[in-house]
């Protein structure tokens, strides 16, 4: 087999378990086995080889109990994969001179500001800690809110401002500085909503449109979107979300 064939073989039939002591695993597992173990009804995989999409394949079904198989054209909710894409957009604006990695984030926020806290007060040496885009992108800006659970189908969706402020119908706490900026890594989905607000305040355009223009259109990703609600044209190809038990989520997804 050539290198590409070996890689595909490893993906489908040669998955390696993670050992507790870090020693190389000798046990190889099938994708179908891992799907059954984790109660995953379906997913898709793609392989980029020598900078080209070399292989893509769907496994299982789009919804537990159905016969509609997953294909490379099936659409899945990407969740936090949106973070590196948001970072790409932010860095594009840094390159264009519209954002600054190391300036105070509040200098670029127009419609909402990061509230002051004890962690951003002047230190004894006179230095005033600041939340920066570099810190936000690297999860070291000191902001809270690890993750968001989303909203069931049919519920009223909050605006970005309502989520940042923790106001109804948002179901999460407000985004605040909860430790000294730059002190330590702390994963923060709230921090990336601040990045979104910085991008939108600076450009006057929604992140949905910028993601399409800067990333999806350039890469020919015609089945990808940052829209909060799935466009109707995508619905027939959209996989249902499932609980860890393997049961479909009521309403198909959050």
Protein backbone atom coordinates (compact mmCIF):
# COMPACT_ATOMS: atom_id res chain seq x y z
CA UNK A 1 0.00 0.00 0.00
CA UNK A 2 1.09 3.56 -0.63
CA UNK A 3 1.18 6.23 2.11
CA UNK A 4 -2.37 7.38 1.45
CA UNK A 5 -3.79 3.86 1.50
CA UNK A 6 -1.94 3.14 4.74
CA UNK A 7 -3.38 6.29 6.32
CA UNK A 8 -6.93 5.34 5.33
CA UNK A 9 -6.39 1.81 6.63
CA UNK A 10 -5.19 3.23 9.94
CA UNK A 11 -8.24 5.47 10.25
CA UNK A 12 -10.77 2.73 9.51
CA UNK A 13 -9.09 -0.29 11.09
CA UNK A 14 -6.08 0.81 13.11
CA UNK A 15 -7.25 3.19 15.82
CA UNK A 16 -4.92 3.13 18.84
CA UNK A 17 -6.08 3.44 22.42
CA UNK A 18 -4.57 6.02 24.73
CA UNK A 19 -2.63 4.26 27.48
CA UNK A 20 -2.46 5.63 31.00
CA UNK A 21 1.32 5.57 31.18
CA UNK A 22 1.81 7.02 27.73
CA UNK A 23 3.36 3.85 26.34
CA UNK A 24 2.63 3.01 22.69
CA UNK A 25 -0.49 0.93 22.29
CA UNK A 26 -0.37 -2.40 20.50
CA UNK A 27 -4.13 -2.84 20.39
CA UNK A 28 -5.78 -1.72 17.16
CA UNK A 29 -9.49 -1.01 16.99
CA UNK A 30 -12.10 -0.60 14.28
CA UNK A 31 -14.06 2.62 13.84
CA UNK A 32 -17.27 0.58 14.10
CA UNK A 33 -16.17 -0.69 17.51
CA UNK A 34 -15.49 2.80 18.82
CA UNK A 35 -18.82 4.05 17.48
CA UNK A 36 -20.63 1.31 19.36
CA UNK A 37 -18.59 1.94 22.52
CA UNK A 38 -19.36 5.68 22.57
CA UNK A 39 -22.92 5.31 21.27
CA UNK A 40 -22.22 7.44 18.21
CA UNK A 41 -24.77 6.64 15.47
CA UNK A 42 -22.88 8.41 12.71
CA UNK A 43 -20.03 10.72 11.77
CA UNK A 44 -17.84 11.60 8.83
CA UNK A 45 -14.08 11.83 8.38
CA UNK A 46 -11.82 13.54 5.88
CA UNK A 47 -8.10 13.26 5.19
CA UNK A 48 -5.96 16.08 3.83
CA UNK A 49 -2.85 14.68 2.15
CA UNK A 50 -0.13 16.84 0.60
CA UNK A 51 -2.33 19.92 1.03
CA UNK A 52 -5.26 18.39 -0.86
CA UNK A 53 -8.50 16.74 0.22
CA UNK A 54 -7.55 13.16 -0.59
CA UNK A 55 -10.33 11.13 1.03
CA UNK A 56 -13.68 11.59 2.75
CA UNK A 57 -16.18 9.04 3.98
CA UNK A 58 -19.34 8.82 6.07
CA UNK A 59 -19.96 6.20 8.75
CA UNK A 60 -23.25 5.10 10.31
CA UNK A 61 -26.57 6.92 10.09
CA UNK A 62 -27.72 10.54 10.44
CA UNK A 63 -30.09 9.73 13.29
CA UNK A 64 -30.28 6.73 15.62
CA UNK A 65 -32.96 4.33 14.41
CA UNK A 66 -33.08 5.74 10.89
CA UNK A 67 -31.71 4.28 7.69
CA UNK A 68 -30.44 7.57 6.26
CA UNK A 69 -26.70 6.98 6.00
CA UNK A 70 -24.01 9.56 6.64
CA UNK A 71 -22.09 10.66 3.55
CA UNK A 72 -19.26 13.17 3.01
CA UNK A 73 -22.02 15.69 2.22
CA UNK A 74 -23.78 15.29 5.58
CA UNK A 75 -23.71 18.45 7.70
CA UNK A 76 -22.82 18.34 11.39
CA UNK A 77 -22.91 21.01 14.09
CA UNK A 78 -19.30 22.09 14.48
CA UNK A 79 -19.48 23.63 17.99
CA UNK A 80 -16.06 24.85 19.19
CA UNK A 81 -14.40 24.18 15.85
CA UNK A 82 -15.79 27.67 15.24
CA UNK A 83 -13.12 29.07 17.59
CA UNK A 84 -10.06 28.63 15.31
CA UNK A 85 -12.13 29.96 12.40
CA UNK A 86 -13.05 33.03 14.46
CA UNK A 87 -9.36 33.40 15.30
CA UNK A 88 -8.53 33.34 11.57
CA UNK A 89 -10.97 36.19 10.95
CA UNK A 90 -9.56 38.19 13.86
CA UNK A 91 -5.99 37.68 12.63
CA UNK A 92 -7.03 38.73 9.14
CA UNK A 93 -8.18 42.02 10.68
CA UNK A 94 -4.93 42.29 12.65
CA UNK A 95 -3.01 41.88 9.41
CA UNK A 96 -5.16 44.61 7.86
CA UNK A 97 -4.38 46.93 10.78
CA UNK A 98 -7.96 47.03 12.07
CA UNK A 99 -7.36 45.05 15.27
CA UNK A 100 -4.32 44.87 17.54
CA UNK A 101 -3.19 41.72 19.33
CA UNK A 102 -1.76 43.50 22.37
CA UNK A 103 -3.93 46.59 22.82
CA UNK A 104 -6.70 46.79 25.40
CA UNK A 105 -9.69 44.92 23.96
CA UNK A 106 -12.00 47.67 25.23
CA UNK A 107 -10.32 50.07 22.78
CA UNK A 108 -12.02 48.12 19.97
CA UNK A 109 -15.32 47.38 21.69
CA UNK A 110 -17.95 50.01 20.88
CA UNK A 111 -21.39 48.64 21.78
CA UNK A 112 -20.34 46.76 24.94
CA UNK A 113 -17.31 46.92 27.22
CA UNK A 114 -15.59 44.31 29.36
CA UNK A 115 -16.59 45.35 32.92
CA UNK A 116 -13.85 46.41 35.29
CA UNK A 117 -12.98 44.02 38.09
CA UNK A 118 -10.49 43.62 40.90
CA UNK A 119 -8.32 41.68 38.48
CA UNK A 120 -7.93 44.66 36.13
CA UNK A 121 -7.11 47.25 38.80
CA UNK A 122 -3.66 48.82 38.90
CA UNK A 123 -1.05 46.64 40.62
CA UNK A 124 1.36 47.96 43.29
CA UNK A 125 3.97 48.46 40.56
CA UNK A 126 1.57 50.70 38.69
CA UNK A 127 0.89 48.26 35.85
CA UNK A 128 -2.76 48.03 34.84
CA UNK A 129 -3.61 44.50 33.63
CA UNK A 130 -5.54 44.49 30.39
CA UNK A 131 -7.57 42.01 28.42
CA UNK A 132 -6.07 41.71 24.95
CA UNK A 133 -7.00 39.96 21.73
CA UNK A 134 -3.88 37.79 22.11
CA UNK A 135 -5.08 36.71 25.52
CA UNK A 136 -8.62 36.07 24.34
CA UNK A 137 -7.48 33.91 21.42
CA UNK A 138 -5.12 31.89 23.64
CA UNK A 139 -7.60 31.49 26.54
CA UNK A 140 -5.30 33.41 28.87
CA UNK A 141 -7.21 36.70 29.18
CA UNK A 142 -8.76 35.69 32.51
CA UNK A 143 -12.37 35.55 31.30
CA UNK A 144 -14.91 33.02 32.55
CA UNK A 145 -17.69 30.88 31.03
CA UNK A 146 -16.08 27.61 29.97
CA UNK A 147 -18.90 26.63 27.62
CA UNK A 148 -22.52 27.18 26.60
CA UNK A 149 -25.26 24.57 26.50
CA UNK A 150 -27.24 26.25 23.73
CA UNK A 151 -31.00 26.57 23.32
CA UNK A 152 -33.59 23.90 22.47
CA UNK A 153 -35.39 24.13 19.16
CA UNK A 154 -38.22 26.65 19.19
CA UNK A 155 -36.84 28.73 22.06
CA UNK A 156 -36.24 32.45 21.75
CA UNK A 157 -32.58 33.10 21.04
CA UNK A 158 -30.70 35.84 22.91
CA UNK A 159 -28.66 38.51 21.18
CA UNK A 160 -24.89 38.60 21.54
CA UNK A 161 -25.26 41.52 23.97
CA UNK A 162 -27.73 39.57 26.10
CA UNK A 163 -25.32 36.63 26.32
CA UNK A 164 -22.38 38.87 27.21
CA UNK A 165 -24.49 40.55 29.90
CA UNK A 166 -26.13 37.34 31.11
CA UNK A 167 -29.60 38.79 30.53
CA UNK A 168 -32.75 36.79 29.58
CA UNK A 169 -33.41 34.94 27.42
CA UNK A 170 -29.70 34.01 27.81
CA UNK A 171 -29.34 30.91 30.00
CA UNK A 172 -25.75 31.69 31.05
CA UNK A 173 -23.97 34.00 33.46
CA UNK A 174 -22.44 37.29 32.27
CA UNK A 175 -18.97 37.29 30.77
CA UNK A 176 -16.55 38.69 33.34
CA UNK A 177 -12.85 38.76 34.16
CA UNK A 178 -12.46 36.06 36.83
CA UNK A 179 -8.67 35.91 37.16
CA UNK A 180 -5.74 38.17 36.38
CA UNK A 181 -5.22 38.56 32.62
CA UNK A 182 -2.15 36.64 31.52
CA UNK A 183 -1.87 34.69 34.77
CA UNK A 184 -2.81 31.25 33.43
CA UNK A 185 -4.63 29.32 30.74
CA UNK A 186 -8.37 29.06 31.37
CA UNK A 187 -10.58 27.81 28.54
CA UNK A 188 -13.21 30.44 27.89
CA UNK A 189 -16.03 30.30 25.38
CA UNK A 190 -17.12 33.62 26.84
CA UNK A 191 -13.82 35.09 25.74
CA UNK A 192 -14.51 34.14 22.13
CA UNK A 193 -17.87 35.90 22.27
CA UNK A 194 -15.88 38.99 23.22
CA UNK A 195 -13.72 38.39 20.14
CA UNK A 196 -16.89 38.20 18.05
CA UNK A 197 -18.09 41.51 19.49
CA UNK A 198 -14.67 43.09 18.76
CA UNK A 199 -14.84 41.88 15.16
CA UNK A 200 -18.40 43.08 14.62
CA UNK A 201 -17.87 46.45 16.32
CA UNK A 202 -14.71 47.08 14.29
CA UNK A 203 -16.11 46.09 10.90
CA UNK A 204 -19.78 46.92 11.35
CA UNK A 205 -20.57 43.53 9.84
CA UNK A 206 -21.87 40.26 11.36
CA UNK A 207 -19.44 37.42 11.95
CA UNK A 208 -21.70 35.19 9.82
CA UNK A 209 -20.96 37.29 6.72
CA UNK A 210 -17.25 37.64 7.45
CA UNK A 211 -16.79 33.89 7.92
CA UNK A 212 -18.44 33.30 4.55
CA UNK A 213 -16.34 35.93 2.78
CA UNK A 214 -12.95 35.33 4.41
CA UNK A 215 -13.02 31.54 4.80
CA UNK A 216 -15.89 29.52 3.36
CA UNK A 217 -16.08 31.18 -0.07
CA UNK A 218 -12.29 31.18 -0.51
CA UNK A 219 -12.06 27.46 0.29
CA UNK A 220 -15.16 26.44 -1.66
CA UNK A 221 -16.92 25.35 1.55
CA UNK A 222 -20.44 25.66 0.18
CA UNK A 223 -22.00 23.54 2.95
CA UNK A 224 -20.61 25.51 5.90
CA UNK A 225 -22.17 28.45 7.72
CA UNK A 226 -21.96 30.42 10.96
CA UNK A 227 -25.73 30.99 10.91
CA UNK A 228 -27.29 30.30 14.32
CA UNK A 229 -30.24 28.60 12.66
CA UNK A 230 -29.52 26.12 9.88
CA UNK A 231 -30.49 27.52 6.47
CA UNK A 232 -33.46 25.64 5.06
CA UNK A 233 -31.47 24.46 2.04
CA UNK A 234 -29.17 22.51 4.38
CA UNK A 235 -31.87 20.80 6.45
CA UNK A 236 -32.14 17.57 4.37
CA UNK A 237 -28.42 16.95 4.89
CA UNK A 238 -28.20 17.95 8.56
CA UNK A 239 -27.36 15.17 11.02
CA UNK A 240 -29.33 14.99 14.26
CA UNK A 241 -27.50 15.68 17.52
CA UNK A 242 -27.48 12.94 20.15
CA UNK A 243 -27.08 12.62 23.90
CA UNK A 244 -24.27 10.55 25.39
CA UNK A 245 -26.79 7.76 25.77
CA UNK A 246 -27.13 7.64 21.99
CA UNK A 247 -30.66 9.07 22.06
CA UNK A 248 -31.56 11.89 19.63
CA UNK A 249 -31.92 15.35 21.17
CA UNK A 250 -35.55 16.56 21.14
CA UNK A 251 -35.92 19.01 18.28
CA UNK A 252 -32.86 17.42 16.60
CA UNK A 253 -30.26 19.90 17.93
CA UNK A 254 -29.67 22.98 20.10
